[in-house]
């Protein structure tokens, strides 16, 4: 079974194909593929439903990186009123956060901190 991030990436590619389609046949094929991928994303969401998760990030650069990663994967980060600036809330499945988002964030954050110390 493919992961949610891979399905989202396929979805982006198919949407780009749909927008750039030259003929009606290409457009119909892209639309059918788009519907199939969306159905699989919805099925994954039913098995591992999104939950609200809170992240506290130490500095503004980490926060900007985390926000960019969230938006890259189609997540909408937010904050409740009166929450601190370094707090980020995200509604996402626990599996997606544990397998995709946090490992990629820690890898990129480590690389950026390594470059800053040079």
C-alpha atoms as a PDB file:
ATOM      1  CA  UNK A   1       0.000   0.000   0.000  1.00  0.00           C
ATOM      2  CA  UNK A   2       1.383   3.398  -0.926  1.00  0.00           C
ATOM      3  CA  UNK A   3       1.804   6.060   1.695  1.00  0.00           C
ATOM      4  CA  UNK A   4      -0.276   9.189   1.874  1.00  0.00           C
ATOM      5  CA  UNK A   5       2.636  11.410   0.844  1.00  0.00           C
ATOM      6  CA  UNK A   6       3.233   9.369  -2.309  1.00  0.00           C
ATOM      7  CA  UNK A   7      -0.449   9.597  -3.170  1.00  0.00           C
ATOM      8  CA  UNK A   8      -0.427  13.353  -2.620  1.00  0.00           C
ATOM      9  CA  UNK A   9       2.605  13.673  -4.904  1.00  0.00           C
ATOM     10  CA  UNK A  10       0.831  11.635  -7.589  1.00  0.00           C
ATOM     11  CA  UNK A  11      -2.185  13.876  -7.137  1.00  0.00           C
ATOM     12  CA  UNK A  12      -0.063  16.990  -7.767  1.00  0.00           C
ATOM     13  CA  UNK A  13       1.442  15.469 -10.910  1.00  0.00           C
ATOM     14  CA  UNK A  14      -1.933  14.423 -12.271  1.00  0.00           C
ATOM     15  CA  UNK A  15      -3.375  17.875 -11.577  1.00  0.00           C
ATOM     16  CA  UNK A  16      -0.465  19.407 -13.507  1.00  0.00           C
ATOM     17  CA  UNK A  17      -1.158  16.991 -16.357  1.00  0.00           C
ATOM     18  CA  UNK A  18      -4.840  17.933 -16.260  1.00  0.00           C
ATOM     19  CA  UNK A  19      -4.062  21.651 -16.487  1.00  0.00           C
ATOM     20  CA  UNK A  20      -1.592  21.157 -19.342  1.00  0.00           C
ATOM     21  CA  UNK A  21      -3.743  18.710 -21.325  1.00  0.00           C
ATOM     22  CA  UNK A  22      -3.978  19.639 -24.994  1.00  0.00           C
ATOM     23  CA  UNK A  23      -6.814  17.396 -26.153  1.00  0.00           C
ATOM     24  CA  UNK A  24     -10.121  16.357 -24.675  1.00  0.00           C
ATOM     25  CA  UNK A  25      -8.953  12.723 -24.447  1.00  0.00           C
ATOM     26  CA  UNK A  26      -5.900  13.668 -22.396  1.00  0.00           C
ATOM     27  CA  UNK A  27      -8.062  15.776 -20.131  1.00  0.00           C
ATOM     28  CA  UNK A  28     -10.542  12.925 -19.575  1.00  0.00           C
ATOM     29  CA  UNK A  29      -7.745  10.447 -18.819  1.00  0.00           C
ATOM     30  CA  UNK A  30      -6.145  12.861 -16.355  1.00  0.00           C
ATOM     31  CA  UNK A  31      -9.506  13.509 -14.701  1.00  0.00           C
ATOM     32  CA  UNK A  32     -10.165   9.771 -14.294  1.00  0.00           C
ATOM     33  CA  UNK A  33      -6.713   9.231 -12.779  1.00  0.00           C
ATOM     34  CA  UNK A  34      -7.281  12.193 -10.482  1.00  0.00           C
ATOM     35  CA  UNK A  35     -10.524  10.673  -9.198  1.00  0.00           C
ATOM     36  CA  UNK A  36      -8.836   7.308  -8.526  1.00  0.00           C
ATOM     37  CA  UNK A  37      -6.010   8.882  -6.530  1.00  0.00           C
ATOM     38  CA  UNK A  38      -8.434  11.074  -4.551  1.00  0.00           C
ATOM     39  CA  UNK A  39     -10.457   7.977  -3.675  1.00  0.00           C
ATOM     40  CA  UNK A  40      -7.323   6.254  -2.349  1.00  0.00           C
ATOM     41  CA  UNK A  41      -6.376   9.324  -0.289  1.00  0.00           C
ATOM     42  CA  UNK A  42      -9.873   9.362   1.245  1.00  0.00           C
ATOM     43  CA  UNK A  43      -9.617   5.631   1.992  1.00  0.00           C
ATOM     44  CA  UNK A  44      -6.311   6.173   3.789  1.00  0.00           C
ATOM     45  CA  UNK A  45      -7.871   9.007   5.783  1.00  0.00           C
ATOM     46  CA  UNK A  46     -10.624   6.657   6.981  1.00  0.00           C
ATOM     47  CA  UNK A  47      -8.121   4.034   8.193  1.00  0.00           C
ATOM     48  CA  UNK A  48      -5.811   6.537   9.881  1.00  0.00           C
ATOM     49  CA  UNK A  49      -7.986   9.586  10.608  1.00  0.00           C
ATOM     50  CA  UNK A  50      -6.395  13.005  11.005  1.00  0.00           C
ATOM     51  CA  UNK A  51      -6.017  14.232  14.565  1.00  0.00           C
ATOM     52  CA  UNK A  52      -5.017  17.604  15.903  1.00  0.00           C
ATOM     53  CA  UNK A  53      -1.375  17.713  16.953  1.00  0.00           C
ATOM     54  CA  UNK A  54       0.616  20.459  18.631  1.00  0.00           C
ATOM     55  CA  UNK A  55       4.264  21.233  17.916  1.00  0.00           C
ATOM     56  CA  UNK A  56       6.462  23.672  19.824  1.00  0.00           C
ATOM     57  CA  UNK A  57       9.436  24.803  17.800  1.00  0.00           C
ATOM     58  CA  UNK A  58      12.517  26.415  19.358  1.00  0.00           C
ATOM     59  CA  UNK A  59      13.180  29.267  16.915  1.00  0.00           C
ATOM     60  CA  UNK A  60      11.673  31.121  13.987  1.00  0.00           C
ATOM     61  CA  UNK A  61      13.780  29.303  11.376  1.00  0.00           C
ATOM     62  CA  UNK A  62      12.581  25.909  12.590  1.00  0.00           C
ATOM     63  CA  UNK A  63       9.021  27.218  12.579  1.00  0.00           C
ATOM     64  CA  UNK A  64       9.343  28.526   9.008  1.00  0.00           C
ATOM     65  CA  UNK A  65      10.810  25.212   7.852  1.00  0.00           C
ATOM     66  CA  UNK A  66       8.053  23.230   9.570  1.00  0.00           C
ATOM     67  CA  UNK A  67       5.335  25.465   8.096  1.00  0.00           C
ATOM     68  CA  UNK A  68       6.819  25.086   4.612  1.00  0.00           C
ATOM     69  CA  UNK A  69       6.908  21.291   4.946  1.00  0.00           C
ATOM     70  CA  UNK A  70       3.320  21.201   6.171  1.00  0.00           C
ATOM     71  CA  UNK A  71       2.148  23.298   3.238  1.00  0.00           C
ATOM     72  CA  UNK A  72       4.175  21.178   0.828  1.00  0.00           C
ATOM     73  CA  UNK A  73       2.171  18.125   1.878  1.00  0.00           C
ATOM     74  CA  UNK A  74      -1.158  19.939   1.730  1.00  0.00           C
ATOM     75  CA  UNK A  75      -1.570  20.424   5.481  1.00  0.00           C
ATOM     76  CA  UNK A  76      -2.893  23.690   6.851  1.00  0.00           C
ATOM     77  CA  UNK A  77      -0.956  24.728   9.974  1.00  0.00           C
ATOM     78  CA  UNK A  78      -2.717  27.066  12.391  1.00  0.00           C
ATOM     79  CA  UNK A  79      -2.672  28.500  15.908  1.00  0.00           C
ATOM     80  CA  UNK A  80      -5.448  29.070  18.367  1.00  0.00           C
ATOM     81  CA  UNK A  81      -5.931  32.482  19.901  1.00  0.00           C
ATOM     82  CA  UNK A  82      -3.461  33.306  22.628  1.00  0.00           C
ATOM     83  CA  UNK A  83      -1.069  30.519  21.688  1.00  0.00           C
ATOM     84  CA  UNK A  84       2.586  31.415  21.596  1.00  0.00           C
ATOM     85  CA  UNK A  85       4.246  32.249  18.339  1.00  0.00           C
ATOM     86  CA  UNK A  86       6.411  29.118  18.403  1.00  0.00           C
ATOM     87  CA  UNK A  87       3.374  26.806  18.710  1.00  0.00           C
ATOM     88  CA  UNK A  88       2.033  25.221  15.523  1.00  0.00           C
ATOM     89  CA  UNK A  89      -1.122  23.106  15.329  1.00  0.00           C
ATOM     90  CA  UNK A  90      -1.696  20.629  12.489  1.00  0.00           C
ATOM     91  CA  UNK A  91      -4.520  18.208  11.691  1.00  0.00           C
ATOM     92  CA  UNK A  92      -2.864  15.135  10.186  1.00  0.00           C
ATOM     93  CA  UNK A  93      -2.814  11.393  10.639  1.00  0.00           C
ATOM     94  CA  UNK A  94      -0.389  10.159  13.257  1.00  0.00           C
ATOM     95  CA  UNK A  95       1.182   7.729  10.802  1.00  0.00           C
ATOM     96  CA  UNK A  96       1.875  10.468   8.265  1.00  0.00           C
ATOM     97  CA  UNK A  97       3.457  12.705  10.897  1.00  0.00           C
ATOM     98  CA  UNK A  98       5.575   9.888  12.350  1.00  0.00           C
ATOM     99  CA  UNK A  99       6.687   8.334   9.055  1.00  0.00           C
ATOM    100  CA  UNK A 100       6.990  11.346   6.750  1.00  0.00           C
ATOM    101  CA  UNK A 101       6.722  14.819   8.257  1.00  0.00           C
ATOM    102  CA  UNK A 102       8.876  14.609  11.389  1.00  0.00           C
ATOM    103  CA  UNK A 103      11.742  12.553   9.874  1.00  0.00           C
ATOM    104  CA  UNK A 104      11.999  14.951   6.946  1.00  0.00           C
ATOM    105  CA  UNK A 105      11.802  17.964   9.270  1.00  0.00           C
ATOM    106  CA  UNK A 106      14.537  16.681  11.585  1.00  0.00           C
ATOM    107  CA  UNK A 107      16.785  15.856   8.626  1.00  0.00           C
ATOM    108  CA  UNK A 108      16.338  19.281   7.021  1.00  0.00           C
ATOM    109  CA  UNK A 109      16.659  21.098  10.331  1.00  0.00           C
ATOM    110  CA  UNK A 110      19.892  19.262  11.128  1.00  0.00           C
ATOM    111  CA  UNK A 111      21.300  20.119   7.707  1.00  0.00           C
ATOM    112  CA  UNK A 112      20.358  23.784   8.042  1.00  0.00           C
ATOM    113  CA  UNK A 113      21.869  24.044  11.541  1.00  0.00           C
ATOM    114  CA  UNK A 114      25.038  22.352  10.296  1.00  0.00           C
ATOM    115  CA  UNK A 115      25.317  24.917   7.494  1.00  0.00           C
ATOM    116  CA  UNK A 116      24.751  27.788   9.928  1.00  0.00           C
ATOM    117  CA  UNK A 117      27.569  26.694  12.237  1.00  0.00           C
ATOM    118  CA  UNK A 118      30.136  26.626   9.424  1.00  0.00           C
END
